[in-house]
Protein backbone atom coordinates (compact mmCIF):
# COMPACT_ATOMS: atom_id res chain seq x y z
CA UNK A 1 154.03 143.36 47.69
CA UNK A 2 156.90 146.14 48.40
CA UNK A 3 154.30 148.67 48.13
CA UNK A 4 151.65 147.36 50.37
CA UNK A 5 154.35 146.83 53.02
CA UNK A 6 155.66 150.36 52.68
CA UNK A 7 152.04 151.71 52.88
CA UNK A 8 151.04 149.41 56.05
CA UNK A 9 154.38 151.22 57.62
CA UNK A 10 153.84 154.53 56.78
CA UNK A 11 149.88 154.06 58.13
CA UNK A 12 151.16 152.59 61.28
CA UNK A 13 153.61 155.60 61.87
CA UNK A 14 151.01 158.17 61.08
CA UNK A 15 148.97 156.41 63.43
CA UNK A 16 151.21 156.11 66.34
CA UNK A 17 152.38 159.83 66.23
CA UNK A 18 149.07 161.01 66.02
CA UNK A 19 147.67 159.25 68.73
CA UNK A 20 151.06 160.48 70.68
CA UNK A 21 150.32 163.93 70.07
CA UNK A 22 146.91 163.71 71.00
CA UNK A 23 147.66 162.18 74.28
CA UNK A 24 150.23 165.12 75.02
CA UNK A 25 147.57 167.36 73.87
CA UNK A 26 145.03 166.06 76.22
CA UNK A 27 147.34 166.18 78.84
CA UNK A 28 148.39 169.51 78.57
CA UNK A 29 144.68 170.96 77.73
CA UNK A 30 142.82 173.05 80.03
CA UNK A 31 139.79 171.39 81.08
CA UNK A 32 136.72 171.90 79.06
CA UNK A 33 133.82 174.45 80.37
CA UNK A 34 131.32 172.07 78.61
CA UNK A 35 131.96 169.00 80.86
CA UNK A 36 132.47 170.80 83.97
CA UNK A 37 128.96 171.96 83.32
CA UNK A 38 127.83 168.67 82.64
CA UNK A 39 129.18 167.37 85.56
CA UNK A 40 127.34 170.15 87.92
CA UNK A 41 124.22 169.36 86.09
CA UNK A 42 124.64 165.55 86.81
CA UNK A 43 125.34 166.75 90.59
CA UNK A 44 122.35 169.31 90.78
CA UNK A 45 120.29 166.36 89.18
CA UNK A 46 121.28 163.87 91.78
CA UNK A 47 120.93 166.17 94.66
CA UNK A 48 117.46 166.93 93.48
CA UNK A 49 116.51 163.52 93.22
CA UNK A 50 117.85 162.66 96.82
CA UNK A 51 117.37 166.18 98.59
CA UNK A 52 117.77 164.65 102.02
CA UNK A 53 121.19 162.51 101.08
CA UNK A 54 123.27 166.12 101.22
CA UNK A 55 122.38 167.60 104.31
CA UNK A 56 121.72 164.44 106.49
CA UNK A 57 123.43 164.35 109.68
CA UNK A 58 123.65 161.25 111.91
CA UNK A 59 121.40 161.79 114.94
CA UNK A 60 122.81 162.67 118.50
CA UNK A 61 123.32 159.86 120.51
CA UNK A 62 120.50 159.55 123.39
CA UNK A 63 121.22 160.78 126.60
CA UNK A 64 122.16 158.31 129.42
CA UNK A 65 120.05 157.16 131.98
CA UNK A 66 122.30 158.95 134.59
CA UNK A 67 122.05 162.23 133.18
CA UNK A 68 118.20 162.51 133.11
CA UNK A 69 117.96 161.00 136.38
CA UNK A 70 120.08 163.81 137.73
CA UNK A 71 118.08 166.37 136.12
CA UNK A 72 115.09 164.90 137.66
CA UNK A 73 116.44 165.15 140.78
CA UNK A 74 117.51 168.83 140.62
CA UNK A 75 114.14 169.46 139.22
CA UNK A 76 112.53 167.94 142.27
CA UNK A 77 114.88 169.91 144.71
CA UNK A 78 114.26 173.37 143.14
CA UNK A 79 110.37 172.75 143.49
CA UNK A 80 110.58 171.94 147.05
CA UNK A 81 112.40 175.07 147.70
């Protein structure tokens, strides 16, 4: 019984230190270029499937009736001269 308890304590301590060390290494490690390449590929394929999503701009607001009426009056006045 005592051997099982010691073995369990040793395994538990080993697993906790391994997990903590792995977390420290992961936080301090540089980003993997393979992961960046995979993300770039995913973005590329997303844009390929939705080509207008990246460049879509909202439509310009329509000109007001007053502006078009003023333009029409100016054009008529120029034609009369």
